Protein backbone atom coordinates (compact mmCIF):
# COMPACT_ATOMS: atom_id res chain seq x y z
CA MET A 1 53.55 2.67 69.64
CA THR A 2 50.91 2.44 66.62
CA CYS A 3 51.56 0.63 63.43
CA HIS A 4 49.60 1.14 60.49
CA SER A 5 49.29 -1.16 57.34
CA THR A 6 47.15 -0.68 54.28
CA LEU A 7 45.86 -3.67 51.90
CA ARG A 8 44.25 -2.60 48.37
CA THR A 9 42.26 -5.18 46.40
CA ALA A 10 40.10 -4.53 43.11
CA SER A 11 37.01 -3.72 44.97
CA SER A 12 37.92 -1.83 48.27
CA VAL A 13 40.56 -0.78 50.43
CA PHE A 14 41.25 -2.70 53.75
CA LEU A 15 42.69 -0.53 56.63
CA LEU A 16 44.40 -2.51 59.05
CA VAL A 17 44.75 -1.06 62.29
CA LEU A 18 47.14 -2.42 64.82
CA ALA A 19 46.87 -0.52 68.15
CA GLY A 20 50.34 -1.25 69.71
CA CYS A 21 50.44 -3.98 66.93
CA ASN A 22 47.82 -6.22 69.14
CA ASN A 23 46.20 -7.44 65.90
CA ASP A 24 42.71 -6.01 66.32
CA LEU A 25 41.10 -5.96 63.07
CA THR A 26 38.73 -3.48 61.35
CA LEU A 27 36.96 -5.32 58.64
CA PRO A 28 35.50 -3.58 55.62
CA SER A 29 31.85 -2.96 55.00
CA ASN A 30 29.48 -5.26 53.08
CA SER A 31 26.83 -2.79 52.71
CA GLY A 32 24.96 -1.82 49.76
CA SER A 33 24.46 1.73 50.30
CA GLY A 34 25.27 3.88 47.19
CA LEU A 35 25.25 1.13 44.91
CA ASP A 36 22.90 0.14 42.03
CA LEU A 37 22.20 -3.50 40.23
CA SER A 38 20.96 -3.41 36.64
CA GLN A 39 20.30 -5.97 34.00
CA VAL A 40 22.81 -6.16 31.17
CA HIS A 41 21.92 -9.34 29.07
CA GLY A 42 19.86 -12.34 29.19
CA ASP A 43 16.26 -11.48 29.84
CA GLY A 44 13.41 -12.57 27.47
CA GLN A 45 14.95 -15.78 26.21
CA LYS A 46 13.31 -19.12 24.90
CA GLY A 47 14.74 -22.47 25.82
CA THR A 48 14.20 -26.36 26.02
CA VAL A 49 13.30 -27.84 29.51
CA GLY A 50 16.30 -29.58 31.03
CA ALA A 51 18.83 -27.36 29.06
CA PRO A 52 20.86 -24.06 29.58
CA LEU A 53 19.19 -21.04 27.76
CA PRO A 54 21.33 -19.64 24.92
CA SER A 55 22.66 -16.76 26.44
CA PRO A 56 24.05 -16.16 30.35
CA LEU A 57 22.25 -13.88 32.63
CA VAL A 58 24.70 -10.88 33.36
CA VAL A 59 24.20 -7.84 35.73
CA ARG A 60 26.31 -5.08 36.57
CA VAL A 61 26.84 -3.32 40.13
CA VAL A 62 27.66 0.28 40.00
CA SER A 63 28.40 2.84 42.41
CA SER A 64 26.58 6.42 42.89
CA GLY A 65 28.90 7.65 40.38
CA GLY A 66 28.34 5.23 37.82
CA ALA A 67 31.68 3.20 37.97
CA GLY A 68 31.76 -0.61 38.01
CA VAL A 69 32.27 -2.04 41.35
CA ALA A 70 34.44 -5.21 41.61
CA GLY A 71 34.46 -8.16 44.15
CA ARG A 72 30.73 -7.96 45.05
CA GLN A 73 28.82 -11.01 45.41
CA VAL A 74 25.60 -11.30 43.27
CA ALA A 75 23.30 -14.25 44.07
CA PHE A 76 21.20 -15.71 41.25
CA LEU A 77 17.63 -17.28 42.56
CA PRO A 78 15.00 -19.23 40.78
CA VAL A 79 11.59 -17.77 41.47
CA GLY A 80 8.66 -20.13 42.51
CA GLU A 81 7.91 -22.91 44.75
CA GLY A 82 9.61 -26.24 44.16
CA SER A 83 11.38 -24.92 40.91
CA ALA A 84 13.90 -27.25 39.82
CA ASP A 85 15.95 -24.43 37.64
CA ARG A 86 19.46 -24.39 38.40
CA LEU A 87 21.98 -21.37 38.03
CA GLU A 88 25.47 -22.05 37.41
CA PRO A 89 27.01 -20.66 39.38
CA ASP A 90 24.40 -19.64 41.79
CA THR A 91 26.58 -16.71 43.23
CA ALA A 92 29.09 -14.81 41.21
CA LEU A 93 31.49 -12.36 42.11
CA THR A 94 31.74 -8.95 40.17
CA SER A 95 34.61 -8.38 37.79
CA SER A 96 36.59 -5.24 37.38
CA SER A 97 33.92 -3.86 35.05
CA GLY A 98 31.10 -4.69 37.91
CA GLU A 99 29.52 -7.47 35.65
CA ALA A 100 28.50 -10.72 37.19
CA SER A 101 26.94 -13.55 34.87
CA SER A 102 25.19 -17.17 35.38
CA VAL A 103 24.03 -19.62 33.27
CA TRP A 104 20.64 -20.54 33.68
CA VAL A 105 19.88 -24.12 33.39
CA LEU A 106 16.08 -24.56 32.84
CA GLY A 107 14.09 -27.26 35.23
CA PRO A 108 11.41 -29.99 33.65
CA GLN A 109 8.72 -27.56 33.64
CA ALA A 110 7.49 -26.11 30.63
CA GLY A 111 5.99 -22.50 30.95
CA ALA A 112 6.93 -19.12 32.06
CA ARG A 113 10.07 -19.22 34.33
CA GLN A 114 11.81 -16.24 36.45
CA VAL A 115 15.12 -15.80 38.28
CA GLU A 116 16.19 -12.88 40.51
CA ALA A 117 19.60 -11.76 40.96
CA HIS A 118 20.17 -10.01 44.30
CA LEU A 119 23.41 -7.96 45.61
CA VAL A 120 24.64 -9.76 48.60
CA ALA A 121 24.81 -7.33 51.26
CA ASP A 122 24.34 -6.81 54.95
CA GLU A 123 22.16 -3.75 54.81
CA ASP A 124 20.84 -1.38 52.28
CA ALA A 125 20.79 -3.76 49.19
CA PRO A 126 19.57 -2.20 46.04
CA ALA A 127 16.39 -3.68 44.44
CA ALA A 128 16.78 -7.27 42.85
CA VAL A 129 16.95 -7.60 39.18
CA THR A 130 14.39 -10.08 37.49
CA PHE A 131 14.92 -12.26 34.38
CA ARG A 132 12.12 -14.03 32.72
CA ALA A 133 12.48 -16.92 30.22
CA GLU A 134 9.98 -19.06 28.38
CA ALA A 135 10.59 -22.78 28.69
CA VAL A 136 9.25 -25.00 25.97
CA ALA A 137 8.82 -28.89 25.69
CA ALA A 138 11.93 -30.93 24.61
CA ALA A 139 11.83 -33.53 21.54
CA PRO A 140 8.70 -36.06 21.27
CA ASP A 141 9.21 -38.94 23.67
CA ALA A 142 5.94 -40.78 24.23
CA LEU A 143 2.61 -41.38 22.37
CA SER A 144 -0.45 -42.21 24.71
CA GLY A 145 -4.50 -42.70 24.25
CA ALA A 146 -6.23 -39.53 25.31
CA SER A 147 -9.76 -40.97 24.67
CA ALA A 148 -11.19 -44.42 24.94
CA LEU A 149 -9.23 -47.21 23.26
CA ASN A 150 -12.21 -49.54 23.35
CA ARG A 151 -15.72 -48.62 21.52
CA ALA A 152 -19.17 -49.89 20.20
CA GLY A 153 -20.74 -48.81 16.98
CA ARG A 154 -22.87 -49.65 14.31
CA ARG A 155 -21.66 -50.67 10.47
CA GLY A 156 -21.27 -47.70 8.31
CA ALA A 157 -21.50 -45.10 11.19
CA GLU A 158 -19.32 -42.50 12.37
CA LEU A 159 -18.52 -43.22 16.03
CA ALA A 160 -19.78 -40.06 18.20
CA ASP A 161 -16.55 -39.14 19.77
CA PRO A 162 -13.54 -38.74 18.10
CA LEU A 163 -9.96 -40.73 18.77
CA VAL A 164 -7.56 -38.81 20.54
CA VAL A 165 -4.05 -39.44 21.32
CA ARG A 166 -1.51 -37.09 22.91
CA VAL A 167 2.54 -36.68 22.87
CA THR A 168 4.64 -35.61 25.48
CA ASP A 169 8.47 -35.12 25.90
CA ARG A 170 10.69 -36.98 28.36
CA PHE A 171 9.19 -34.89 31.10
CA SER A 172 5.65 -35.41 30.30
CA ASN A 173 5.35 -32.07 28.76
CA PRO A 174 2.96 -31.76 25.94
CA VAL A 175 4.46 -31.44 22.64
CA PRO A 176 2.82 -29.17 20.07
CA GLY A 177 3.33 -29.37 16.36
CA ALA A 178 4.08 -33.10 16.38
CA VAL A 179 2.55 -34.96 13.37
CA VAL A 180 0.77 -38.57 13.93
CA SER A 181 0.06 -41.09 11.58
CA TRP A 182 -3.31 -42.66 11.28
CA SER A 183 -4.59 -45.94 9.58
CA ILE A 184 -6.95 -48.77 9.41
CA ALA A 185 -5.75 -51.86 10.84
CA ALA A 186 -8.89 -54.25 10.45
CA GLY A 187 -12.19 -53.38 8.94
CA ASN A 188 -12.99 -51.44 6.04
CA GLY A 189 -13.60 -48.06 7.72
CA LYS A 190 -12.64 -44.44 6.84
CA LEU A 191 -10.65 -41.77 8.78
CA SER A 192 -11.27 -38.12 8.59
CA ARG A 193 -7.61 -37.63 7.79
CA PRO A 194 -4.27 -39.80 7.57
CA GLU A 195 -2.07 -37.37 9.68
CA SER A 196 -2.71 -34.82 12.04
CA GLU A 197 -0.88 -32.48 14.05
CA THR A 198 -1.00 -31.95 17.88
CA ALA A 199 -2.27 -28.77 19.42
CA ALA A 200 -0.93 -26.82 22.23
CA ASP A 201 -1.93 -29.36 24.84
CA GLY A 202 -0.10 -32.25 22.89
CA THR A 203 -3.48 -33.66 21.62
CA THR A 204 -4.59 -34.53 18.11
CA ALA A 205 -7.69 -36.27 17.00
CA VAL A 206 -9.45 -37.88 13.97
CA SER A 207 -13.07 -39.28 13.35
CA TRP A 208 -13.65 -42.61 12.60
CA THR A 209 -16.27 -44.02 10.38
CA LEU A 210 -16.77 -47.60 10.95
CA GLY A 211 -16.55 -50.36 7.96
CA ASP A 212 -19.95 -52.16 6.60
CA GLN A 213 -19.10 -55.30 8.64
CA VAL A 214 -19.83 -56.81 11.82
CA GLY A 215 -17.15 -58.10 14.23
CA VAL A 216 -13.88 -56.10 15.34
CA GLN A 217 -12.46 -53.05 13.64
CA LYS A 218 -9.25 -51.36 14.46
CA VAL A 219 -7.24 -48.09 13.90
CA THR A 220 -4.02 -47.47 14.86
CA ALA A 221 -2.06 -43.94 15.47
CA THR A 222 1.67 -44.15 15.14
CA MET A 223 4.64 -41.91 15.40
CA ALA A 224 7.98 -43.49 14.69
CA GLY A 225 10.62 -44.01 17.54
CA LEU A 226 8.03 -42.83 20.35
CA THR A 227 7.37 -44.85 23.51
CA GLY A 228 3.69 -46.29 23.47
CA SER A 229 3.71 -46.08 19.45
CA PRO A 230 1.35 -47.45 18.04
CA VAL A 231 -2.08 -46.68 19.98
CA THR A 232 -4.62 -48.93 18.85
CA PHE A 233 -8.23 -48.10 19.02
CA THR A 234 -10.66 -50.98 18.86
CA ALA A 235 -14.46 -51.10 17.64
CA VAL A 236 -16.85 -53.72 18.05
CA VAL A 237 -19.66 -53.88 15.55
CA LEU A 238 -22.61 -56.06 16.42
CA PHE A 239 -25.03 -54.89 13.89
């Protein structure tokens, strides 16, 4: 005697064939044949390092007839050796419409980032889908000297090299667009400007013309609330 039992799910039909009711099981195929994986939403975003992107990454799995396929696994993988980006979840199950999504949490490194979405299949998997994002630096966290802190010069002369500082975030990424305040702390010298804004590499600079007196003269670079602020530059004037 042969028994037949059929179990239906949202994604596929499982046919359980019990020859003589002896519990032999025929499992469903996990092939990707005839399926397509496409991008729905989430490409081209910009976000802050260490934080999730504003919108989730969404893909869709469809059959050759264009219908959404439910119950298939999609793996979301960061691209790049040593990438610290995270995907939450890293493997998602497609819904009744064939869509699967994941939240991309950026790692600590600023710059261009990529994630690939793959349909999990034993064979004939469709091509992966690539998502791209730009990770930008977090809020300013530290101020440091980026040129020599101790100089020597002549009275009333401009130093040959400018004073340079760097602003970084908590992951040591350079922070552009940060405003640094400069002031004379000792001596009666002059600065090329009282404030300056950091460039793409996180640095900014001013020129220093020494005052008309011998001895030690000082300039400070300040950004309130940052580790390392103020940075003090010193010039020794002997003649």
